[in-house]
């Protein structure tokens, strides 16, 4: 399986398209979305 990565500001692979692609697998949500932080700053 090939993974696709994108972000809020990625114009090549829009976030909403990636979100729909991930939902198409019908996996259960284990953890709700949350920001990642490292040393007090947003990361990822």
N, C-alpha and C. Protein backbone atom coordinates (compact mmCIF):
# COMPACT_ATOMS: atom_id res chain seq x y z
N UNK A 1 0.85 -1.17 0.00
CA UNK A 1 0.00 0.00 0.00
C UNK A 1 0.90 1.23 0.00
N UNK A 2 0.53 2.21 -0.79
CA UNK A 2 1.26 3.47 -0.84
C UNK A 2 0.56 4.49 0.04
N UNK A 3 1.31 5.15 0.88
CA UNK A 3 0.75 6.18 1.75
C UNK A 3 0.85 7.54 1.08
N UNK A 4 -0.17 8.35 1.25
CA UNK A 4 -0.16 9.71 0.71
C UNK A 4 -0.08 10.68 1.88
N UNK A 5 0.74 11.67 1.74
CA UNK A 5 0.90 12.67 2.79
C UNK A 5 0.55 14.03 2.25
N UNK A 6 -0.09 14.84 3.03
CA UNK A 6 -0.39 16.21 2.65
C UNK A 6 -0.63 17.02 3.90
N UNK A 7 -0.76 18.29 3.72
CA UNK A 7 -1.02 19.18 4.83
C UNK A 7 -2.02 20.24 4.45
N UNK A 8 -2.31 21.12 5.37
CA UNK A 8 -3.29 22.18 5.12
C UNK A 8 -2.84 23.11 4.00
N UNK A 9 -1.55 23.25 3.80
CA UNK A 9 -1.03 24.21 2.82
C UNK A 9 -0.39 23.53 1.61
N UNK A 10 -0.62 22.24 1.46
CA UNK A 10 -0.05 21.49 0.34
C UNK A 10 -1.01 21.57 -0.83
N UNK A 11 -0.64 22.29 -1.88
CA UNK A 11 -1.54 22.47 -3.02
C UNK A 11 -1.43 21.34 -4.03
N UNK A 12 -0.43 20.47 -3.89
CA UNK A 12 -0.28 19.35 -4.82
C UNK A 12 -1.27 18.25 -4.48
N UNK A 13 -1.36 17.89 -3.21
CA UNK A 13 -2.31 16.89 -2.74
C UNK A 13 -3.16 17.55 -1.65
N UNK A 14 -4.33 18.10 -2.01
CA UNK A 14 -5.15 18.82 -1.04
C UNK A 14 -5.56 17.94 0.14
N UNK A 15 -5.67 18.56 1.29
CA UNK A 15 -6.03 17.86 2.52
C UNK A 15 -7.36 17.13 2.40
N UNK A 16 -8.37 17.78 1.81
CA UNK A 16 -9.69 17.15 1.74
C UNK A 16 -9.67 15.89 0.89
N UNK A 17 -8.88 15.89 -0.16
CA UNK A 17 -8.77 14.68 -0.99
C UNK A 17 -8.10 13.56 -0.21
N UNK A 18 -7.07 13.89 0.55
CA UNK A 18 -6.39 12.88 1.37
C UNK A 18 -7.34 12.35 2.43
N UNK A 19 -8.11 13.24 3.05
CA UNK A 19 -9.06 12.85 4.08
C UNK A 19 -10.09 11.87 3.50
N UNK A 20 -10.60 12.16 2.32
CA UNK A 20 -11.58 11.27 1.67
C UNK A 20 -10.94 9.93 1.33
N UNK A 21 -9.69 9.95 0.88
CA UNK A 21 -8.98 8.71 0.54
C UNK A 21 -8.83 7.84 1.78
N UNK A 22 -8.46 8.43 2.89
CA UNK A 22 -8.29 7.67 4.13
C UNK A 22 -9.63 7.12 4.60
N UNK A 23 -10.70 7.92 4.54
CA UNK A 23 -12.04 7.46 4.94
C UNK A 23 -12.51 6.29 4.08
N UNK A 24 -12.05 6.22 2.84
CA UNK A 24 -12.50 5.16 1.94
C UNK A 24 -12.09 3.76 2.42
N UNK A 25 -11.13 3.67 3.34
CA UNK A 25 -10.71 2.38 3.89
C UNK A 25 -11.66 1.86 4.96
N UNK A 26 -12.55 2.74 5.46
CA UNK A 26 -13.53 2.37 6.49
C UNK A 26 -12.88 1.83 7.76
N UNK A 27 -11.73 2.35 8.12
CA UNK A 27 -11.09 1.98 9.37
C UNK A 27 -11.78 2.68 10.54
N UNK A 28 -11.71 2.10 11.71
CA UNK A 28 -12.23 2.74 12.91
C UNK A 28 -11.25 3.80 13.39
N UNK A 29 -11.80 4.86 13.95
CA UNK A 29 -10.96 5.92 14.53
C UNK A 29 -10.54 5.46 15.92
N UNK A 30 -9.23 5.35 16.14
CA UNK A 30 -8.72 4.91 17.43
C UNK A 30 -8.50 6.11 18.34
N UNK A 31 -7.89 7.16 17.81
CA UNK A 31 -7.65 8.40 18.54
C UNK A 31 -8.15 9.57 17.70
N UNK A 32 -8.79 10.52 18.34
CA UNK A 32 -9.20 11.72 17.63
C UNK A 32 -7.98 12.51 17.22
N UNK A 33 -8.15 13.35 16.18
CA UNK A 33 -7.06 14.18 15.71
C UNK A 33 -6.59 15.10 16.83
N UNK A 34 -5.29 15.30 16.88
CA UNK A 34 -4.71 16.27 17.82
C UNK A 34 -3.41 16.77 17.23
N UNK A 35 -3.06 17.96 17.58
CA UNK A 35 -1.80 18.54 17.09
C UNK A 35 -0.63 17.80 17.74
N UNK A 36 0.44 17.68 17.01
CA UNK A 36 1.66 17.08 17.54
C UNK A 36 2.55 18.21 18.02
N UNK A 37 3.16 18.05 19.17
CA UNK A 37 4.05 19.07 19.71
C UNK A 37 5.38 18.43 20.12
N UNK A 38 6.44 19.18 19.93
CA UNK A 38 7.76 18.76 20.35
C UNK A 38 8.45 19.97 20.94
N UNK A 39 8.87 19.84 22.17
CA UNK A 39 9.52 20.96 22.87
C UNK A 39 8.66 22.22 22.87
N UNK A 40 7.34 22.03 23.04
CA UNK A 40 6.43 23.16 23.15
C UNK A 40 6.05 23.81 21.83
N UNK A 41 6.48 23.25 20.71
CA UNK A 41 6.13 23.82 19.41
C UNK A 41 5.39 22.80 18.57
N UNK A 42 4.48 23.30 17.72
CA UNK A 42 3.75 22.40 16.83
C UNK A 42 4.72 21.72 15.88
N UNK A 43 4.51 20.43 15.64
CA UNK A 43 5.41 19.68 14.77
C UNK A 43 4.58 18.88 13.78
N UNK A 44 5.23 18.39 12.75
CA UNK A 44 4.55 17.51 11.83
C UNK A 44 4.35 18.10 10.48
